[in-house]
Amino acid sequence: MDFIKKMFKKEETKKGNKSPQDEHRELLEKQKKVATKKKEPWVAVLDTQVNPENIKNGFFELDWNEYFVLKLRQEGYGYDGDPEEEIVDRWFKDLARNILEEQGQDTKADAGFINVTKIDKGKSEVS
């Protein structure tokens, strides 16, 4: 369990220095801006956390651009008027089911639930 705690522990930084997590977020933000300027779909995982008391629970913080949502709409994940978070949620659930199926796992097994919380435009926390 200590391994998991260490893996997700925020690193302490000296005043003025950026943590690896902050540097990672800045890099992803630059990638998002480049993709958006090129009108290309872009999605990334900003953060992942695991509940040390219940390893089955945790969350992914996702970020995406408008062209990713447009691509999902074109692929049948949403319609005009559907909130971006719902469209991305449908895709993420589908992705998770596909991964389980590829690994020969039961997609109907008790794995908890998926909850999506909107953080701000283009960002959600999936737990």
Protein backbone atom coordinates (compact mmCIF):
# COMPACT_ATOMS: atom_id res chain seq x y z
CA MET A 1 0.00 0.00 0.00
CA ASP A 2 2.92 2.35 0.70
CA PHE A 3 3.99 1.93 -2.93
CA ILE A 4 0.64 3.30 -4.13
CA LYS A 5 0.73 6.18 -1.64
CA LYS A 6 4.24 7.15 -2.78
CA MET A 7 3.26 6.83 -6.44
CA PHE A 8 0.51 9.44 -6.12
CA LYS A 9 2.02 11.67 -3.43
CA LYS A 10 2.52 15.25 -4.50
CA GLU A 11 6.20 16.10 -4.35
CA GLU A 12 7.23 18.90 -2.03
CA THR A 13 8.89 21.77 -3.84
CA LYS A 14 11.02 24.67 -2.77
CA LYS A 15 9.55 28.10 -3.21
CA GLY A 16 9.66 29.08 -6.87
CA ASN A 17 10.34 25.56 -8.19
CA LYS A 18 7.72 23.64 -10.12
CA SER A 19 6.70 20.14 -9.15
CA PRO A 20 6.85 17.39 -11.77
CA GLN A 21 3.03 17.41 -11.76
CA ASP A 22 2.96 21.14 -12.56
CA GLU A 23 5.52 20.69 -15.34
CA HIS A 24 3.47 17.80 -16.72
CA ARG A 25 0.30 19.92 -16.74
CA GLU A 26 2.10 22.78 -18.48
CA LEU A 27 3.39 20.40 -21.16
CA LEU A 28 -0.11 19.01 -21.70
CA GLU A 29 -1.56 22.52 -21.91
CA LYS A 30 0.98 23.40 -24.63
CA GLN A 31 0.10 20.20 -26.51
CA LYS A 32 -3.59 21.06 -26.23
CA LYS A 33 -3.00 24.57 -27.62
CA VAL A 34 -1.01 23.20 -30.57
CA ALA A 35 -3.65 20.57 -31.37
CA THR A 36 -6.46 23.11 -31.05
CA LYS A 37 -4.64 25.57 -33.34
CA LYS A 38 -4.32 22.75 -35.90
CA LYS A 39 -8.00 21.83 -35.33
CA GLU A 40 -6.98 18.31 -34.27
CA PRO A 41 -8.71 16.19 -31.61
CA TRP A 42 -6.80 16.08 -28.31
CA VAL A 43 -7.44 14.35 -24.97
CA ALA A 44 -5.18 13.61 -22.01
CA VAL A 45 -5.21 12.32 -18.45
CA LEU A 46 -4.11 15.17 -16.19
CA ASP A 47 -4.12 13.26 -12.92
CA THR A 48 -4.89 9.86 -11.45
CA GLN A 49 -5.63 9.17 -7.79
CA VAL A 50 -6.35 5.90 -5.96
CA ASN A 51 -8.16 5.58 -2.65
CA PRO A 52 -5.64 3.78 -0.40
CA GLU A 53 -8.49 2.37 1.77
CA ASN A 54 -10.36 0.93 -1.24
CA ILE A 55 -8.13 0.25 -4.24
CA LYS A 56 -11.20 -0.14 -6.51
CA ASN A 57 -11.99 3.53 -6.09
CA GLY A 58 -10.12 6.49 -7.48
CA PHE A 59 -10.36 9.00 -10.26
CA PHE A 60 -8.89 10.23 -13.51
CA GLU A 61 -8.87 13.93 -14.31
CA LEU A 62 -9.32 14.34 -18.05
CA ASP A 63 -8.81 17.35 -20.30
CA TRP A 64 -9.83 17.67 -23.95
CA ASN A 65 -10.39 20.18 -26.71
CA GLU A 66 -13.48 20.94 -28.77
CA TYR A 67 -12.18 18.92 -31.72
CA PHE A 68 -12.01 15.77 -29.60
CA VAL A 69 -15.67 16.24 -28.69
CA LEU A 70 -16.51 16.88 -32.34
CA LYS A 71 -14.75 13.62 -33.29
CA LEU A 72 -16.70 11.75 -30.60
CA ARG A 73 -19.96 13.21 -31.93
CA GLN A 74 -19.01 12.05 -35.45
CA GLU A 75 -18.33 8.56 -34.04
CA GLY A 76 -21.79 8.41 -32.45
CA TYR A 77 -21.01 9.26 -28.84
CA GLY A 78 -23.17 12.36 -28.70
CA TYR A 79 -25.56 14.67 -30.42
CA ASP A 80 -25.93 18.43 -30.67
CA GLY A 81 -27.05 19.72 -27.32
CA ASP A 82 -25.41 16.95 -25.27
CA PRO A 83 -22.98 18.38 -22.71
CA GLU A 84 -19.31 17.74 -23.50
CA GLU A 85 -18.86 15.93 -20.17
CA GLU A 86 -21.58 13.38 -21.04
CA ILE A 87 -20.05 12.72 -24.45
CA VAL A 88 -16.57 12.21 -23.01
CA ASP A 89 -18.06 10.06 -20.22
CA ARG A 90 -19.70 7.74 -22.78
CA TRP A 91 -16.39 7.37 -24.60
CA PHE A 92 -14.43 6.78 -21.38
CA LYS A 93 -16.88 4.09 -20.19
CA ASP A 94 -16.70 2.43 -23.60
CA LEU A 95 -12.90 2.55 -23.48
CA ALA A 96 -12.85 0.99 -19.99
CA ARG A 97 -15.24 -1.82 -21.10
CA ASN A 98 -13.10 -2.52 -24.17
CA ILE A 99 -9.95 -2.78 -22.04
CA LEU A 100 -11.68 -5.23 -19.69
CA GLU A 101 -12.96 -7.31 -22.60
CA GLU A 102 -9.52 -7.45 -24.22
CA GLN A 103 -8.11 -8.72 -20.92
CA GLY A 104 -10.81 -11.39 -20.70
CA GLN A 105 -12.42 -9.71 -17.68
CA ASP A 106 -16.13 -9.68 -16.91
CA THR A 107 -17.50 -6.26 -17.83
CA LYS A 108 -20.56 -6.89 -15.63
CA ALA A 109 -18.51 -7.59 -12.48
CA ASP A 110 -18.93 -5.41 -9.40
CA ALA A 111 -16.38 -2.73 -10.13
CA GLY A 112 -18.14 0.15 -8.44
CA PHE A 113 -19.45 3.06 -10.48
CA ILE A 114 -18.17 5.83 -12.69
CA ASN A 115 -18.91 9.36 -11.61
CA VAL A 116 -18.08 12.41 -13.71
CA THR A 117 -17.68 15.82 -12.07
CA LYS A 118 -17.23 18.89 -14.26
CA ILE A 119 -14.22 20.90 -13.11
CA ASP A 120 -14.40 23.67 -15.70
CA LYS A 121 -14.81 23.97 -19.47
CA GLY A 122 -13.07 21.06 -21.12
CA LYS A 123 -12.06 19.36 -17.86
CA SER A 124 -13.76 16.69 -15.78
CA GLU A 125 -12.86 14.40 -12.92
CA VAL A 126 -13.88 10.78 -13.56
CA SER A 127 -14.14 8.61 -10.46
